[in-house]
C-alpha cells in the first residue's frame, strides 16, 4: 500500500495512525541527517509542521526493541498534537491501539504508558532502542511505568517490541509528552 508513496520519497519508512484522531501520517527516517524532517514535509520542502520521523538509530527491518518516533505538537491540532489528549485516562480508554505499518509489515500496538515532564527531568527514554540484556529492557519498562500518569495494566516482557511516540507538551518551556506502546500483533 505504501509503494506509490515510497516512489515519491524513498525516505518513507511507514505510516502511523490512531483511529478517530488527526494522527494519520507518513513516517520518515534519514539515518545520515537525523532531524531532517523536523522542519520538512513529505515533499522535502521547508514546512514548519515537519513530518513524523523515526530516530536515526532505530532499525525498522530487524526491528529494534523500541522504535522512537517524533512529531510536532501543532496548535491547529495536526501532527502529534492529539498525543496530549492521552493525559486523560478516559482518552486512553477509547484510543488504546496505535497502528504502525512499515514498508514490509503491518502491526498494532497497545498503549502501555503515558508520561510527561520537562525534558531535563525525564529519564532518557530516547536512549533505549535495543536492549543488550533483559535487565536493560526491564529497566526501561519500569522507568516508563514509574513515570506514567496512570496505570494501563499493560506491561512488556523481554523480546516484546515497543513503539515510543514523543512530542512537545505545551505545559512548560521544554516539556515532552511521551506515549509508549507494545506491539500486540505479529507483523503481517
C-alpha atoms as a PDB file:
ATOM      1  CA  UNK A   1       0.000   0.000   0.000  1.00  0.00           C
ATOM      2  CA  UNK A   2       2.915   2.365   0.622  1.00  0.00           C
ATOM      3  CA  UNK A   3       4.701   1.533  -2.632  1.00  0.00           C
ATOM      4  CA  UNK A   4       3.477   4.582  -4.564  1.00  0.00           C
ATOM      5  CA  UNK A   5       4.409   6.949  -1.725  1.00  0.00           C
ATOM      6  CA  UNK A   6       7.832   5.312  -1.461  1.00  0.00           C
ATOM      7  CA  UNK A   7       8.386   6.006  -5.165  1.00  0.00           C
ATOM      8  CA  UNK A   8       7.702   9.686  -4.461  1.00  0.00           C
ATOM      9  CA  UNK A   9      10.104   9.818  -1.494  1.00  0.00           C
ATOM     10  CA  UNK A  10      12.331   6.903  -0.532  1.00  0.00           C
ATOM     11  CA  UNK A  11      12.845   8.328   2.982  1.00  0.00           C
ATOM     12  CA  UNK A  12       9.382   6.901   3.734  1.00  0.00           C
ATOM     13  CA  UNK A  13       9.563   4.064   6.262  1.00  0.00           C
ATOM     14  CA  UNK A  14       5.916   3.646   7.226  1.00  0.00           C
ATOM     15  CA  UNK A  15       2.538   5.050   8.174  1.00  0.00           C
ATOM     16  CA  UNK A  16       1.168   5.811  11.650  1.00  0.00           C
ATOM     17  CA  UNK A  17      -2.498   6.027  12.551  1.00  0.00           C
ATOM     18  CA  UNK A  18      -4.506   6.396  15.749  1.00  0.00           C
ATOM     19  CA  UNK A  19      -8.193   5.950  14.922  1.00  0.00           C
ATOM     20  CA  UNK A  20     -10.503   8.921  15.496  1.00  0.00           C
ATOM     21  CA  UNK A  21      -7.588  11.360  15.861  1.00  0.00           C
ATOM     22  CA  UNK A  22      -5.611  13.555  13.485  1.00  0.00           C
ATOM     23  CA  UNK A  23      -2.653  11.162  13.756  1.00  0.00           C
ATOM     24  CA  UNK A  24      -2.683   9.595  10.287  1.00  0.00           C
ATOM     25  CA  UNK A  25       0.613  10.340   8.547  1.00  0.00           C
ATOM     26  CA  UNK A  26       3.517   9.010   6.560  1.00  0.00           C
ATOM     27  CA  UNK A  27       6.595   8.371   8.710  1.00  0.00           C
ATOM     28  CA  UNK A  28      10.091   9.239   7.518  1.00  0.00           C
ATOM     29  CA  UNK A  29      13.662   8.367   8.504  1.00  0.00           C
ATOM     30  CA  UNK A  30      17.018   9.775   7.421  1.00  0.00           C
ATOM     31  CA  UNK A  31      19.898   7.945   9.059  1.00  0.00           C
ATOM     32  CA  UNK A  32      22.545  10.387   7.795  1.00  0.00           C
ATOM     33  CA  UNK A  33      20.575  13.536   8.743  1.00  0.00           C
ATOM     34  CA  UNK A  34      18.572  12.601  11.883  1.00  0.00           C
ATOM     35  CA  UNK A  35      16.340  15.680  12.251  1.00  0.00           C
ATOM     36  CA  UNK A  36      15.822  16.338   8.523  1.00  0.00           C
ATOM     37  CA  UNK A  37      12.025  16.067   8.766  1.00  0.00           C
ATOM     38  CA  UNK A  38      11.760  18.259  11.850  1.00  0.00           C
ATOM     39  CA  UNK A  39      11.039  21.204   9.547  1.00  0.00           C
ATOM     40  CA  UNK A  40      10.375  19.491   6.195  1.00  0.00           C
ATOM     41  CA  UNK A  41       7.245  17.966   4.763  1.00  0.00           C
ATOM     42  CA  UNK A  42       6.901  14.729   2.812  1.00  0.00           C
ATOM     43  CA  UNK A  43       7.924  16.633  -0.337  1.00  0.00           C
ATOM     44  CA  UNK A  44      11.247  17.575   1.353  1.00  0.00           C
ATOM     45  CA  UNK A  45      10.352  21.280   1.162  1.00  0.00           C
ATOM     46  CA  UNK A  46      10.595  23.542   4.221  1.00  0.00           C
ATOM     47  CA  UNK A  47       7.477  23.158   6.332  1.00  0.00           C
ATOM     48  CA  UNK A  48       7.160  24.262   9.964  1.00  0.00           C
ATOM     49  CA  UNK A  49       4.851  21.281  10.582  1.00  0.00           C
ATOM     50  CA  UNK A  50       7.582  18.845   9.639  1.00  0.00           C
ATOM     51  CA  UNK A  51       6.674  15.207   9.212  1.00  0.00           C
ATOM     52  CA  UNK A  52       6.669  12.390  11.800  1.00  0.00           C
ATOM     53  CA  UNK A  53      10.047  10.678  11.744  1.00  0.00           C
ATOM     54  CA  UNK A  54      11.866   7.744  13.316  1.00  0.00           C
ATOM     55  CA  UNK A  55      15.051   8.256  15.329  1.00  0.00           C
ATOM     56  CA  UNK A  56      18.111   7.571  13.156  1.00  0.00           C
ATOM     57  CA  UNK A  57      19.488   4.642  15.173  1.00  0.00           C
ATOM     58  CA  UNK A  58      16.242   2.650  15.068  1.00  0.00           C
ATOM     59  CA  UNK A  59      16.176  -0.330  12.716  1.00  0.00           C
ATOM     60  CA  UNK A  60      12.764  -0.983  11.199  1.00  0.00           C
ATOM     61  CA  UNK A  61      13.765  -4.178   9.423  1.00  0.00           C
ATOM     62  CA  UNK A  62      15.139  -6.260  12.303  1.00  0.00           C
ATOM     63  CA  UNK A  63      13.328  -4.381  14.120  1.00  0.00           C
ATOM     64  CA  UNK A  64      14.775  -2.511  17.089  1.00  0.00           C
ATOM     65  CA  UNK A  65      13.349  -3.341  20.520  1.00  0.00           C
ATOM     66  CA  UNK A  66      12.000   0.197  20.704  1.00  0.00           C
ATOM     67  CA  UNK A  67      11.152   2.368  17.716  1.00  0.00           C
ATOM     68  CA  UNK A  68      11.242   6.041  18.698  1.00  0.00           C
ATOM     69  CA  UNK A  69       9.153   8.429  16.642  1.00  0.00           C
ATOM     70  CA  UNK A  70       8.862  12.204  16.864  1.00  0.00           C
ATOM     71  CA  UNK A  71       6.269  14.661  15.619  1.00  0.00           C
ATOM     72  CA  UNK A  72       5.304  18.265  16.298  1.00  0.00           C
ATOM     73  CA  UNK A  73       2.516  19.401  18.586  1.00  0.00           C
ATOM     74  CA  UNK A  74       0.832  21.957  16.306  1.00  0.00           C
ATOM     75  CA  UNK A  75      -1.656  24.490  17.690  1.00  0.00           C
ATOM     76  CA  UNK A  76      -4.136  23.643  14.929  1.00  0.00           C
ATOM     77  CA  UNK A  77      -4.414  20.075  16.234  1.00  0.00           C
ATOM     78  CA  UNK A  78      -2.383  18.389  13.492  1.00  0.00           C
ATOM     79  CA  UNK A  79       0.729  16.189  13.555  1.00  0.00           C
ATOM     80  CA  UNK A  80       1.205  14.683  17.065  1.00  0.00           C
ATOM     81  CA  UNK A  81      -1.000  17.218  18.909  1.00  0.00           C
ATOM     82  CA  UNK A  82      -3.534  14.533  19.778  1.00  0.00           C
ATOM     83  CA  UNK A  83      -0.887  12.748  21.871  1.00  0.00           C
ATOM     84  CA  UNK A  84      -1.557  15.409  24.519  1.00  0.00           C
ATOM     85  CA  UNK A  85      -5.072  14.028  24.914  1.00  0.00           C
ATOM     86  CA  UNK A  86      -3.518  10.881  26.398  1.00  0.00           C
ATOM     87  CA  UNK A  87      -3.052  12.918  29.581  1.00  0.00           C
ATOM     88  CA  UNK A  88      -6.648  11.896  30.271  1.00  0.00           C
ATOM     89  CA  UNK A  89      -7.177   8.251  31.148  1.00  0.00           C
ATOM     90  CA  UNK A  90     -10.618   8.438  29.530  1.00  0.00           C
ATOM     91  CA  UNK A  91      -8.969   9.276  26.189  1.00  0.00           C
ATOM     92  CA  UNK A  92      -6.599   6.316  26.517  1.00  0.00           C
ATOM     93  CA  UNK A  93      -9.580   4.028  27.218  1.00  0.00           C
ATOM     94  CA  UNK A  94     -11.006   4.967  23.806  1.00  0.00           C
ATOM     95  CA  UNK A  95      -7.665   5.087  21.918  1.00  0.00           C
ATOM     96  CA  UNK A  96      -5.596   2.160  23.191  1.00  0.00           C
ATOM     97  CA  UNK A  97      -4.472   0.973  19.760  1.00  0.00           C
ATOM     98  CA  UNK A  98      -1.822   2.568  17.538  1.00  0.00           C
ATOM     99  CA  UNK A  99      -1.400   1.222  14.017  1.00  0.00           C
ATOM    100  CA  UNK A 100       2.143   1.456  12.641  1.00  0.00           C
ATOM    101  CA  UNK A 101       2.771  -0.072   9.252  1.00  0.00           C
ATOM    102  CA  UNK A 102       6.253  -0.257   7.790  1.00  0.00           C
ATOM    103  CA  UNK A 103       7.160  -0.892   4.165  1.00  0.00           C
ATOM    104  CA  UNK A 104       7.288  -4.624   4.871  1.00  0.00           C
ATOM    105  CA  UNK A 105       4.772  -5.256   7.679  1.00  0.00           C
ATOM    106  CA  UNK A 106       1.621  -4.056   9.389  1.00  0.00           C
ATOM    107  CA  UNK A 107       1.335  -4.141  13.171  1.00  0.00           C
ATOM    108  CA  UNK A 108      -0.814  -2.873  16.018  1.00  0.00           C
ATOM    109  CA  UNK A 109       0.477  -1.612  19.338  1.00  0.00           C
ATOM    110  CA  UNK A 110      -1.394  -1.112  22.608  1.00  0.00           C
ATOM    111  CA  UNK A 111      -0.557   1.869  24.815  1.00  0.00           C
ATOM    112  CA  UNK A 112       1.472   0.722  27.805  1.00  0.00           C
ATOM    113  CA  UNK A 113       2.495   4.015  29.469  1.00  0.00           C
ATOM    114  CA  UNK A 114       1.895   7.738  29.080  1.00  0.00           C
ATOM    115  CA  UNK A 115       4.160  10.250  30.772  1.00  0.00           C
ATOM    116  CA  UNK A 116       5.142  13.877  30.511  1.00  0.00           C
ATOM    117  CA  UNK A 117       7.560  16.328  32.020  1.00  0.00           C
ATOM    118  CA  UNK A 118      10.375  18.738  31.423  1.00  0.00           C
ATOM    119  CA  UNK A 119      12.942  17.113  29.142  1.00  0.00           C
ATOM    120  CA  UNK A 120      15.770  17.565  31.647  1.00  0.00           C
ATOM    121  CA  UNK A 121      13.703  15.934  34.432  1.00  0.00           C
ATOM    122  CA  UNK A 122      12.598  12.871  32.479  1.00  0.00           C
ATOM    123  CA  UNK A 123      14.663   9.719  32.242  1.00  0.00           C
ATOM    124  CA  UNK A 124      16.489   9.369  28.912  1.00  0.00           C
ATOM    125  CA  UNK A 125      13.694   7.426  27.177  1.00  0.00           C
ATOM    126  CA  UNK A 126      15.216   8.241  23.781  1.00  0.00           C
ATOM    127  CA  UNK A 127      18.389   6.255  24.538  1.00  0.00           C
ATOM    128  CA  UNK A 128      16.782   2.820  24.675  1.00  0.00           C
ATOM    129  CA  UNK A 129      16.418   1.449  21.156  1.00  0.00           C
ATOM    130  CA  UNK A 130      17.925  -2.006  21.600  1.00  0.00           C
ATOM    131  CA  UNK A 131      18.332  -3.614  24.985  1.00  0.00           C
ATOM    132  CA  UNK A 132      21.575  -5.516  25.349  1.00  0.00           C
ATOM    133  CA  UNK A 133      20.224  -7.542  28.284  1.00  0.00           C
ATOM    134  CA  UNK A 134      16.811  -8.452  29.690  1.00  0.00           C
ATOM    135  CA  UNK A 135      17.656  -6.280  32.702  1.00  0.00           C
ATOM    136  CA  UNK A 136      18.162  -3.243  30.453  1.00  0.00           C
ATOM    137  CA  UNK A 137      14.801  -3.864  28.783  1.00  0.00           C
ATOM    138  CA  UNK A 138      13.010  -4.285  32.125  1.00  0.00           C
ATOM    139  CA  UNK A 139      14.676  -1.124  33.460  1.00  0.00           C
ATOM    140  CA  UNK A 140      13.219   0.831  30.517  1.00  0.00           C
ATOM    141  CA  UNK A 141       9.743  -0.669  31.021  1.00  0.00           C
ATOM    142  CA  UNK A 142       9.921   0.048  34.774  1.00  0.00           C
ATOM    143  CA  UNK A 143      11.019   3.645  34.149  1.00  0.00           C
ATOM    144  CA  UNK A 144       8.075   4.129  31.776  1.00  0.00           C
ATOM    145  CA  UNK A 145       5.622   2.611  34.274  1.00  0.00           C
ATOM    146  CA  UNK A 146       7.048   4.643  37.178  1.00  0.00           C
ATOM    147  CA  UNK A 147       6.712   7.882  35.228  1.00  0.00           C
ATOM    148  CA  UNK A 148       3.221   7.028  33.940  1.00  0.00           C
ATOM    149  CA  UNK A 149       0.302   9.334  34.576  1.00  0.00           C
ATOM    150  CA  UNK A 150      -1.971   6.323  35.177  1.00  0.00           C
ATOM    151  CA  UNK A 151      -1.832   2.533  35.169  1.00  0.00           C
ATOM    152  CA  UNK A 152      -2.856   0.946  31.862  1.00  0.00           C
ATOM    153  CA  UNK A 153      -2.435  -2.596  33.168  1.00  0.00           C
ATOM    154  CA  UNK A 154      -0.196  -3.291  30.145  1.00  0.00           C
ATOM    155  CA  UNK A 155       3.379  -4.382  30.616  1.00  0.00           C
ATOM    156  CA  UNK A 156       6.083  -5.818  28.388  1.00  0.00           C
ATOM    157  CA  UNK A 157       8.349  -8.833  28.536  1.00  0.00           C
ATOM    158  CA  UNK A 158      11.863  -9.120  27.161  1.00  0.00           C
ATOM    159  CA  UNK A 159      11.509  -9.803  23.449  1.00  0.00           C
ATOM    160  CA  UNK A 160       8.414  -7.618  23.042  1.00  0.00           C
ATOM    161  CA  UNK A 161       8.686  -4.766  20.564  1.00  0.00           C
ATOM    162  CA  UNK A 162       7.864  -1.216  21.647  1.00  0.00           C
ATOM    163  CA  UNK A 163       6.881   1.991  19.886  1.00  0.00           C
ATOM    164  CA  UNK A 164       7.593   5.295  21.650  1.00  0.00           C
ATOM    165  CA  UNK A 165       5.923   8.475  20.355  1.00  0.00           C
ATOM    166  CA  UNK A 166       7.259  11.817  21.553  1.00  0.00           C
ATOM    167  CA  UNK A 167       6.084  15.392  21.060  1.00  0.00           C
ATOM    168  CA  UNK A 168       6.396  18.740  22.799  1.00  0.00           C
ATOM    169  CA  UNK A 169       3.977  19.376  25.634  1.00  0.00           C
ATOM    170  CA  UNK A 170       2.780  22.960  25.820  1.00  0.00           C
ATOM    171  CA  UNK A 171       2.759  22.993  29.642  1.00  0.00           C
ATOM    172  CA  UNK A 172       6.380  24.060  30.053  1.00  0.00           C
ATOM    173  CA  UNK A 173       9.398  25.568  28.371  1.00  0.00           C
ATOM    174  CA  UNK A 174      10.943  22.260  27.290  1.00  0.00           C
ATOM    175  CA  UNK A 175       8.182  19.771  28.147  1.00  0.00           C
ATOM    176  CA  UNK A 176       7.651  16.434  26.442  1.00  0.00           C
ATOM    177  CA  UNK A 177       4.628  14.196  26.113  1.00  0.00           C
ATOM    178  CA  UNK A 178       5.534  10.535  25.582  1.00  0.00           C
ATOM    179  CA  UNK A 179       3.320   7.577  24.701  1.00  0.00           C
ATOM    180  CA  UNK A 180       4.879   4.095  24.843  1.00  0.00           C
ATOM    181  CA  UNK A 181       3.077   1.162  23.246  1.00  0.00           C
ATOM    182  CA  UNK A 182       3.732  -2.586  22.974  1.00  0.00           C
ATOM    183  CA  UNK A 183       3.267  -4.497  19.731  1.00  0.00           C
ATOM    184  CA  UNK A 184       0.292  -6.842  20.095  1.00  0.00           C
ATOM    185  CA  UNK A 185       0.038  -8.273  16.593  1.00  0.00           C
ATOM    186  CA  UNK A 186       2.698 -10.126  14.725  1.00  0.00           C
ATOM    187  CA  UNK A 187       3.768  -8.220  11.626  1.00  0.00           C
ATOM    188  CA  UNK A 188       1.715  -9.300   8.623  1.00  0.00           C
END
